[in-house]
Amino acid sequence: PIYRGILAKLLGTLLLTLRGTPIVYQGEELGLPNTRFASATELCSAQAQRMYQELRERMGDAAALQAVLPVACDHARLPMPWSAGLNGGFTGATPWMRLNDGIDYLNAGAQMEDPKSVWNHYRRLVAQRKKSAGLVYGSFNPVFVKNKKVFCYFRIHEGEKWYVEINLTEREVARPGRILPSQHLVLSNYDAPARSLRPYEANLYRLQG
């Protein structure tokens, strides 16, 4: 939980700086976590219910639920939290599933007003990608591939060059390569630069010249 926002921004950075067509499903842009369903009765998916019943016979109620939750699609079927109001501003009626936990701050309205929110991080990434051919069509060139603690790569297209560095761990790690004066930090999931890479830090640089 301490790194929820940081991690959500890291995943957004990956999604919108790697090759391929980015698809954002409802709630990803808010950093919504998987719901902590208390019982199998809260699951609406027929597939999840069937899997739960099969596992329940061998494992018991609690263990079967824990086995089903990581693969259940119900986490992505909750009502979208637009505000901190009644039912997250989604409906004035009774929704088919309960809302996610923490909608007082994990809602679209609150995040649109917070310049440091996950939603605004996605917004900046989308805007950068829309105006950059390099982030859309550029080649993918990974570097420092033997270092399993980081994921670093260049995106290069017709003289336009980008560099992404990501710390994949929950620990502070040494930066695998020094940042050159020609590298301009465009976006980060931390507020200010540091000499090393902090837990789950993700930085996007534009190379000048």
Protein backbone atom coordinates (compact mmCIF):
# COMPACT_ATOMS: atom_id res chain seq x y z
CA PRO A 1 0.00 0.00 0.00
CA ILE A 2 2.82 2.46 0.71
CA TYR A 3 3.88 2.30 -2.95
CA ARG A 4 0.42 2.05 -4.54
CA GLY A 5 0.62 5.38 -6.35
CA ILE A 6 4.29 4.97 -7.22
CA LEU A 7 3.67 1.51 -8.67
CA ALA A 8 0.61 2.63 -10.61
CA LYS A 9 2.68 5.39 -12.21
CA LEU A 10 5.46 2.89 -12.98
CA LEU A 11 3.00 0.63 -14.81
CA GLY A 12 1.63 3.62 -16.69
CA THR A 13 5.15 4.58 -17.73
CA LEU A 14 5.74 1.09 -19.09
CA LEU A 15 2.42 0.99 -20.91
CA LEU A 16 2.89 4.32 -22.65
CA THR A 17 6.61 4.20 -23.47
CA LEU A 18 6.91 0.65 -24.80
CA ARG A 19 6.00 -0.43 -28.32
CA GLY A 20 2.47 -1.49 -29.15
CA THR A 21 -0.99 0.00 -28.82
CA PRO A 22 -1.67 1.05 -25.21
CA ILE A 23 -5.06 0.09 -23.77
CA VAL A 24 -6.21 1.56 -20.46
CA TYR A 25 -9.10 -0.25 -18.77
CA GLN A 26 -11.30 1.58 -16.28
CA GLY A 27 -9.54 2.25 -13.00
CA GLU A 28 -5.97 1.71 -14.20
CA GLU A 29 -5.55 5.43 -14.70
CA LEU A 30 -6.58 5.96 -11.05
CA GLY A 31 -4.32 3.25 -9.66
CA LEU A 32 -7.30 1.27 -8.36
CA PRO A 33 -6.10 -1.87 -6.56
CA ASN A 34 -7.74 -5.28 -6.68
CA THR A 35 -10.71 -5.48 -4.34
CA ARG A 36 -10.39 -7.42 -1.12
CA PHE A 37 -13.53 -9.50 -1.50
CA ALA A 38 -14.53 -10.93 1.87
CA SER A 39 -16.37 -13.97 0.55
CA ALA A 40 -17.16 -15.84 -2.65
CA THR A 41 -20.71 -14.47 -2.56
CA GLU A 42 -19.27 -11.09 -3.65
CA LEU A 43 -17.99 -12.59 -6.90
CA CYS A 44 -20.33 -12.21 -9.87
CA SER A 45 -18.30 -14.04 -12.49
CA ALA A 46 -19.69 -17.49 -13.30
CA GLN A 47 -16.16 -18.67 -14.08
CA ALA A 48 -14.88 -17.49 -10.69
CA GLN A 49 -17.81 -19.11 -8.90
CA ARG A 50 -17.26 -22.40 -10.71
CA MET A 51 -13.54 -22.37 -9.94
CA TYR A 52 -14.25 -21.55 -6.30
CA GLN A 53 -16.69 -24.45 -5.92
CA GLU A 54 -14.21 -26.88 -7.47
CA LEU A 55 -11.36 -25.76 -5.20
CA ARG A 56 -13.53 -25.51 -2.13
CA GLU A 57 -14.02 -29.28 -2.05
CA ARG A 58 -10.27 -29.84 -1.84
CA MET A 59 -9.00 -26.78 0.01
CA GLY A 60 -11.81 -25.39 2.14
CA ASP A 61 -13.55 -21.99 1.95
CA ALA A 62 -10.74 -19.58 2.90
CA ALA A 63 -7.98 -21.24 0.85
CA ALA A 64 -10.23 -21.60 -2.20
CA LEU A 65 -11.16 -17.92 -2.11
CA GLN A 66 -7.52 -16.87 -1.89
CA ALA A 67 -6.69 -19.09 -4.86
CA VAL A 68 -9.50 -17.63 -6.99
CA LEU A 69 -9.03 -13.93 -6.26
CA PRO A 70 -5.76 -13.41 -8.22
CA VAL A 71 -7.34 -14.75 -11.42
CA ALA A 72 -10.91 -13.49 -11.03
CA CYS A 73 -12.06 -10.79 -13.47
CA ASP A 74 -14.50 -9.30 -10.94
CA HIS A 75 -11.90 -6.76 -9.77
CA ALA A 76 -12.37 -4.93 -13.08
CA ARG A 77 -16.17 -5.07 -12.99
CA LEU A 78 -16.82 -2.85 -10.00
CA PRO A 79 -18.67 0.46 -10.47
CA MET A 80 -16.35 3.25 -11.59
CA PRO A 81 -15.72 5.70 -8.69
CA TRP A 82 -16.34 9.15 -10.14
CA SER A 83 -16.57 10.94 -6.79
CA ALA A 84 -16.53 10.34 -3.05
CA GLY A 85 -20.34 10.65 -2.94
CA LEU A 86 -23.07 8.03 -2.79
CA ASN A 87 -21.98 4.87 -4.64
CA GLY A 88 -18.96 6.78 -5.91
CA GLY A 89 -21.18 9.00 -8.05
CA PHE A 90 -21.82 6.00 -10.33
CA THR A 91 -25.51 5.55 -9.60
CA GLY A 92 -28.26 6.58 -7.23
CA ALA A 93 -29.62 3.03 -7.29
CA THR A 94 -28.14 -0.07 -5.71
CA PRO A 95 -25.14 -1.21 -7.84
CA TRP A 96 -24.73 -4.87 -8.83
CA MET A 97 -21.41 -5.06 -6.97
CA ARG A 98 -19.98 -3.06 -4.11
CA LEU A 99 -17.48 -0.30 -4.75
CA ASN A 100 -13.76 -0.62 -4.21
CA ASP A 101 -12.21 0.29 -0.88
CA GLY A 102 -10.80 3.80 -0.43
CA ILE A 103 -12.98 5.63 -2.97
CA ASP A 104 -12.77 8.77 -0.83
CA TYR A 105 -9.39 9.37 -2.49
CA LEU A 106 -9.35 6.74 -5.26
CA ASN A 107 -11.97 8.50 -7.34
CA ALA A 108 -11.73 10.42 -10.61
CA GLY A 109 -12.89 13.76 -9.21
CA ALA A 110 -10.31 13.85 -6.42
CA GLN A 111 -7.47 12.79 -8.72
CA MET A 112 -8.30 15.36 -11.38
CA GLU A 113 -7.81 18.05 -8.75
CA ASP A 114 -4.50 16.62 -7.51
CA PRO A 115 -1.57 17.50 -9.82
CA LYS A 116 0.47 14.62 -8.33
CA SER A 117 -2.21 11.97 -8.81
CA VAL A 118 -1.95 8.79 -10.85
CA TRP A 119 -4.58 10.16 -13.25
CA ASN A 120 -2.52 13.26 -13.98
CA HIS A 121 0.59 11.12 -14.48
CA TYR A 122 -1.26 9.10 -17.12
CA ARG A 123 -2.54 12.33 -18.66
CA ARG A 124 1.01 13.66 -19.05
CA LEU A 125 2.23 10.36 -20.49
CA VAL A 126 -0.61 10.26 -23.03
CA ALA A 127 0.06 13.86 -24.04
CA GLN A 128 3.79 13.14 -24.45
CA ARG A 129 3.13 10.04 -26.52
CA LYS A 130 0.65 11.83 -28.79
CA LYS A 131 3.22 14.44 -29.78
CA SER A 132 6.22 12.09 -30.00
CA ALA A 133 6.79 9.85 -32.99
CA GLY A 134 9.69 8.29 -31.11
CA LEU A 135 7.47 6.89 -28.36
CA VAL A 136 5.03 5.51 -30.91
CA TYR A 137 7.21 4.26 -33.78
CA GLY A 138 10.68 4.21 -32.25
CA SER A 139 12.85 1.12 -32.03
CA PHE A 140 13.11 -0.63 -28.67
CA ASN A 141 16.71 -0.92 -27.46
CA PRO A 142 17.15 -2.46 -23.98
CA VAL A 143 20.35 -1.75 -22.02
CA PHE A 144 21.91 -3.11 -18.81
CA VAL A 145 20.08 -6.36 -19.50
CA LYS A 146 22.18 -8.39 -17.04
CA ASN A 147 21.00 -6.24 -14.15
CA LYS A 148 17.79 -7.94 -12.98
CA LYS A 149 16.92 -5.13 -10.59
CA VAL A 150 16.30 -2.55 -13.31
CA PHE A 151 14.59 -2.30 -16.70
CA CYS A 152 16.17 0.33 -18.94
CA TYR A 153 15.69 0.99 -22.65
CA PHE A 154 15.94 3.55 -25.45
CA ARG A 155 13.22 4.44 -27.96
CA ILE A 156 14.78 5.88 -31.12
CA HIS A 157 13.14 7.19 -34.28
CA GLU A 158 14.53 9.54 -36.95
CA GLY A 159 16.85 11.44 -34.65
CA GLU A 160 14.40 11.49 -31.75
CA LYS A 161 15.72 9.57 -28.75
CA TRP A 162 14.15 8.69 -25.40
CA TYR A 163 15.55 6.82 -22.40
CA VAL A 164 13.50 5.03 -19.73
CA GLU A 165 14.95 3.73 -16.46
CA ILE A 166 12.89 1.69 -14.01
CA ASN A 167 13.72 0.16 -10.64
CA LEU A 168 11.84 -3.15 -10.46
CA THR A 169 12.42 -3.67 -6.73
CA GLU A 170 11.11 -2.32 -3.45
CA ARG A 171 14.66 -1.35 -2.45
CA GLU A 172 16.86 1.57 -3.40
CA VAL A 173 19.38 0.50 -6.04
CA ALA A 174 22.36 2.09 -7.72
CA ARG A 175 21.64 3.72 -11.07
CA PRO A 176 23.08 1.32 -13.70
CA GLY A 177 24.49 4.13 -15.81
CA ARG A 178 25.18 7.78 -15.24
CA ILE A 179 22.75 10.40 -16.52
CA LEU A 180 24.40 12.58 -19.16
CA PRO A 181 23.94 16.36 -19.47
CA SER A 182 22.15 15.71 -22.75
CA GLN A 183 19.44 13.71 -20.98
CA HIS A 184 16.53 15.89 -19.87
CA LEU A 185 14.14 14.42 -17.29
CA VAL A 186 10.62 14.79 -18.70
CA LEU A 187 8.56 12.72 -16.27
CA SER A 188 9.09 10.76 -13.06
CA ASN A 189 6.91 9.00 -10.50
CA TYR A 190 8.89 10.76 -7.74
CA ASP A 191 8.79 14.47 -6.96
CA ALA A 192 12.51 15.23 -7.29
CA PRO A 193 15.61 13.54 -8.78
CA ALA A 194 17.99 11.50 -6.61
CA ARG A 195 21.45 10.01 -7.07
CA SER A 196 20.14 6.43 -6.87
CA LEU A 197 16.91 4.80 -7.98
CA ARG A 198 14.31 4.68 -5.22
CA PRO A 199 11.81 1.81 -4.80
CA TYR A 200 9.84 1.32 -8.03
CA GLU A 201 11.17 4.56 -9.49
CA ALA A 202 10.37 5.16 -13.16
CA ASN A 203 11.93 8.03 -15.15
CA LEU A 204 11.46 9.19 -18.74
CA TYR A 205 14.27 11.23 -20.34
CA ARG A 206 14.49 13.06 -23.65
CA LEU A 207 17.96 13.11 -25.19
CA GLN A 208 18.94 16.44 -26.72
CA GLY A 209 21.22 16.73 -29.71
